[in-house]
Amino acid sequence: MLKLRVIIPGLIVLCTAVWWLMPHFTDQDKAYYVSLYCLQPTGSSQQIEKRIEQTVENNNQDYALKKRHFSPLLAKHIQDAWDRLSPAQQQQASQRNQCEQILSQQLNIPAPITR
């Protein structure tokens, strides 16, 4: 009985810590990275990741109160979503507006507003 009094709270604390440490990305961050990915979705994954990193870091203004920092985990998440698309979907997504729509659907985020 004493073991259960120690084990159960320990498991609860462990599960809470794991959940807390897992990366959580907002839909806005995902949509931003999708739009950056769709600017030039060609090349190796390292080249695409490097272009996204440069764009994110270079778009920070000196006077910005909240600067964006590149998230390699989110960039990999977007690349993995692209890799899960079928070749036909990847071909269809070669157009920028279709790319954002298809990747947004794959990631279950609200579709971007097209003008």
C-alpha atoms as a PDB file:
ATOM      1  CA  MET A   1       0.000   0.000   0.000  1.00  0.00           C
ATOM      2  CA  LEU A   2       2.854   2.340   0.823  1.00  0.00           C
ATOM      3  CA  LYS A   3       4.403   1.645  -2.573  1.00  0.00           C
ATOM      4  CA  LEU A   4       1.217   2.756  -4.343  1.00  0.00           C
ATOM      5  CA  ARG A   5       1.241   6.005  -2.351  1.00  0.00           C
ATOM      6  CA  VAL A   6       4.704   6.705  -3.718  1.00  0.00           C
ATOM      7  CA  ILE A   7       4.425   5.218  -7.211  1.00  0.00           C
ATOM      8  CA  ILE A   8       1.178   6.879  -8.315  1.00  0.00           C
ATOM      9  CA  PRO A   9       2.198  10.473  -7.414  1.00  0.00           C
ATOM     10  CA  GLY A  10       5.609   9.766  -8.928  1.00  0.00           C
ATOM     11  CA  LEU A  11       4.001   8.662 -12.200  1.00  0.00           C
ATOM     12  CA  ILE A  12       1.764  11.731 -12.199  1.00  0.00           C
ATOM     13  CA  VAL A  13       4.754  14.023 -11.709  1.00  0.00           C
ATOM     14  CA  LEU A  14       6.720  12.194 -14.401  1.00  0.00           C
ATOM     15  CA  CYS A  15       3.871  12.370 -16.941  1.00  0.00           C
ATOM     16  CA  THR A  16       3.326  16.055 -16.194  1.00  0.00           C
ATOM     17  CA  ALA A  17       7.032  16.786 -16.654  1.00  0.00           C
ATOM     18  CA  VAL A  18       7.128  14.932 -19.969  1.00  0.00           C
ATOM     19  CA  TRP A  19       4.060  16.803 -21.222  1.00  0.00           C
ATOM     20  CA  TRP A  20       5.505  20.125 -20.052  1.00  0.00           C
ATOM     21  CA  LEU A  21       8.826  19.547 -21.804  1.00  0.00           C
ATOM     22  CA  MET A  22       7.298  18.421 -25.101  1.00  0.00           C
ATOM     23  CA  PRO A  23       7.393  21.157 -27.743  1.00  0.00           C
ATOM     24  CA  HIS A  24       4.023  22.792 -28.304  1.00  0.00           C
ATOM     25  CA  PHE A  25       3.655  24.847 -31.476  1.00  0.00           C
ATOM     26  CA  THR A  26       0.843  27.303 -32.033  1.00  0.00           C
ATOM     27  CA  ASP A  27      -1.205  27.243 -35.224  1.00  0.00           C
ATOM     28  CA  GLN A  28       0.208  30.684 -36.007  1.00  0.00           C
ATOM     29  CA  ASP A  29       3.804  29.405 -35.786  1.00  0.00           C
ATOM     30  CA  LYS A  30       2.950  26.388 -37.927  1.00  0.00           C
ATOM     31  CA  ALA A  31       1.276  28.600 -40.543  1.00  0.00           C
ATOM     32  CA  TYR A  32       4.319  30.912 -40.585  1.00  0.00           C
ATOM     33  CA  TYR A  33       6.719  28.030 -41.170  1.00  0.00           C
ATOM     34  CA  VAL A  34       4.410  26.531 -43.814  1.00  0.00           C
ATOM     35  CA  SER A  35       4.418  29.829 -45.701  1.00  0.00           C
ATOM     36  CA  LEU A  36       8.218  29.987 -45.476  1.00  0.00           C
ATOM     37  CA  TYR A  37       8.523  26.379 -46.596  1.00  0.00           C
ATOM     38  CA  CYS A  38       6.250  27.001 -49.571  1.00  0.00           C
ATOM     39  CA  LEU A  39       8.352  29.893 -50.833  1.00  0.00           C
ATOM     40  CA  GLN A  40      10.898  27.391 -52.162  1.00  0.00           C
ATOM     41  CA  PRO A  41       9.968  23.790 -51.380  1.00  0.00           C
ATOM     42  CA  THR A  42      12.747  22.381 -53.574  1.00  0.00           C
ATOM     43  CA  GLY A  43      16.169  21.206 -52.501  1.00  0.00           C
ATOM     44  CA  SER A  44      17.456  18.953 -49.791  1.00  0.00           C
ATOM     45  CA  SER A  45      15.922  19.119 -46.338  1.00  0.00           C
ATOM     46  CA  GLN A  46      19.099  20.768 -45.010  1.00  0.00           C
ATOM     47  CA  GLN A  47      18.935  23.480 -47.697  1.00  0.00           C
ATOM     48  CA  ILE A  48      15.263  24.154 -47.003  1.00  0.00           C
ATOM     49  CA  GLU A  49      15.863  24.245 -43.248  1.00  0.00           C
ATOM     50  CA  LYS A  50      18.767  26.669 -43.728  1.00  0.00           C
ATOM     51  CA  ARG A  51      16.608  28.990 -45.901  1.00  0.00           C
ATOM     52  CA  ILE A  52      13.833  28.966 -43.306  1.00  0.00           C
ATOM     53  CA  GLU A  53      16.340  29.670 -40.528  1.00  0.00           C
ATOM     54  CA  GLN A  54      17.865  32.591 -42.416  1.00  0.00           C
ATOM     55  CA  THR A  55      14.443  34.052 -43.175  1.00  0.00           C
ATOM     56  CA  VAL A  56      13.204  33.742 -39.589  1.00  0.00           C
ATOM     57  CA  GLU A  57      16.348  35.222 -38.067  1.00  0.00           C
ATOM     58  CA  ASN A  58      16.773  37.978 -40.681  1.00  0.00           C
ATOM     59  CA  ASN A  59      13.157  39.166 -40.396  1.00  0.00           C
ATOM     60  CA  ASN A  60      13.650  40.248 -36.787  1.00  0.00           C
ATOM     61  CA  GLN A  61      13.638  44.019 -36.508  1.00  0.00           C
ATOM     62  CA  ASP A  62      16.009  45.723 -34.075  1.00  0.00           C
ATOM     63  CA  TYR A  63      13.126  47.467 -32.339  1.00  0.00           C
ATOM     64  CA  ALA A  64      10.908  44.384 -32.042  1.00  0.00           C
ATOM     65  CA  LEU A  65       9.841  43.594 -28.496  1.00  0.00           C
ATOM     66  CA  LYS A  66       9.321  39.924 -29.258  1.00  0.00           C
ATOM     67  CA  LYS A  67      11.841  38.480 -31.657  1.00  0.00           C
ATOM     68  CA  ARG A  68      11.234  35.199 -33.411  1.00  0.00           C
ATOM     69  CA  HIS A  69      13.852  32.519 -33.039  1.00  0.00           C
ATOM     70  CA  PHE A  70      14.273  29.632 -35.422  1.00  0.00           C
ATOM     71  CA  SER A  71      12.847  26.330 -34.230  1.00  0.00           C
ATOM     72  CA  PRO A  72      14.567  23.362 -35.875  1.00  0.00           C
ATOM     73  CA  LEU A  73      11.912  21.047 -34.401  1.00  0.00           C
ATOM     74  CA  LEU A  74       9.113  22.969 -36.095  1.00  0.00           C
ATOM     75  CA  ALA A  75      11.020  23.103 -39.386  1.00  0.00           C
ATOM     76  CA  LYS A  76      11.492  19.328 -39.195  1.00  0.00           C
ATOM     77  CA  HIS A  77       7.795  18.915 -38.385  1.00  0.00           C
ATOM     78  CA  ILE A  78       6.899  20.837 -41.568  1.00  0.00           C
ATOM     79  CA  GLN A  79       9.398  18.823 -43.624  1.00  0.00           C
ATOM     80  CA  ASP A  80       7.953  15.581 -42.257  1.00  0.00           C
ATOM     81  CA  ALA A  81       4.458  16.729 -43.227  1.00  0.00           C
ATOM     82  CA  TRP A  82       5.730  17.381 -46.765  1.00  0.00           C
ATOM     83  CA  ASP A  83       7.358  13.949 -46.888  1.00  0.00           C
ATOM     84  CA  ARG A  84       4.060  12.312 -45.879  1.00  0.00           C
ATOM     85  CA  LEU A  85       2.337  13.813 -48.930  1.00  0.00           C
ATOM     86  CA  SER A  86       1.883  11.541 -51.915  1.00  0.00           C
ATOM     87  CA  PRO A  87       3.919  12.349 -55.054  1.00  0.00           C
ATOM     88  CA  ALA A  88       0.711  13.562 -56.708  1.00  0.00           C
ATOM     89  CA  GLN A  89       0.020  15.923 -53.801  1.00  0.00           C
ATOM     90  CA  GLN A  90       3.616  17.160 -53.887  1.00  0.00           C
ATOM     91  CA  GLN A  91       3.266  17.858 -57.599  1.00  0.00           C
ATOM     92  CA  GLN A  92       0.004  19.713 -56.985  1.00  0.00           C
ATOM     93  CA  ALA A  93       1.638  21.627 -54.134  1.00  0.00           C
ATOM     94  CA  SER A  94       4.361  22.953 -56.425  1.00  0.00           C
ATOM     95  CA  GLN A  95       2.160  26.022 -56.834  1.00  0.00           C
ATOM     96  CA  ARG A  96       2.622  28.300 -53.813  1.00  0.00           C
ATOM     97  CA  ASN A  97      -1.048  28.867 -52.970  1.00  0.00           C
ATOM     98  CA  GLN A  98      -1.783  25.151 -53.298  1.00  0.00           C
ATOM     99  CA  CYS A  99       1.289  24.306 -51.223  1.00  0.00           C
ATOM    100  CA  GLU A 100       0.095  26.285 -48.219  1.00  0.00           C
ATOM    101  CA  GLN A 101      -3.405  24.864 -48.471  1.00  0.00           C
ATOM    102  CA  ILE A 102      -2.259  21.236 -48.789  1.00  0.00           C
ATOM    103  CA  LEU A 103       0.337  21.451 -45.994  1.00  0.00           C
ATOM    104  CA  SER A 104      -2.152  23.232 -43.735  1.00  0.00           C
ATOM    105  CA  GLN A 105      -4.599  20.389 -44.257  1.00  0.00           C
ATOM    106  CA  GLN A 106      -1.861  17.844 -43.548  1.00  0.00           C
ATOM    107  CA  LEU A 107      -0.997  19.608 -40.271  1.00  0.00           C
ATOM    108  CA  ASN A 108      -4.650  20.234 -39.297  1.00  0.00           C
ATOM    109  CA  ILE A 109      -4.260  23.988 -39.021  1.00  0.00           C
ATOM    110  CA  PRO A 110      -6.720  26.553 -40.357  1.00  0.00           C
ATOM    111  CA  ALA A 111      -6.230  27.199 -44.063  1.00  0.00           C
ATOM    112  CA  PRO A 112      -4.492  30.442 -44.937  1.00  0.00           C
ATOM    113  CA  ILE A 113      -6.551  33.271 -46.354  1.00  0.00           C
ATOM    114  CA  THR A 114      -5.832  33.639 -50.062  1.00  0.00           C
ATOM    115  CA  ARG A 115      -6.374  36.907 -51.867  1.00  0.00           C
END
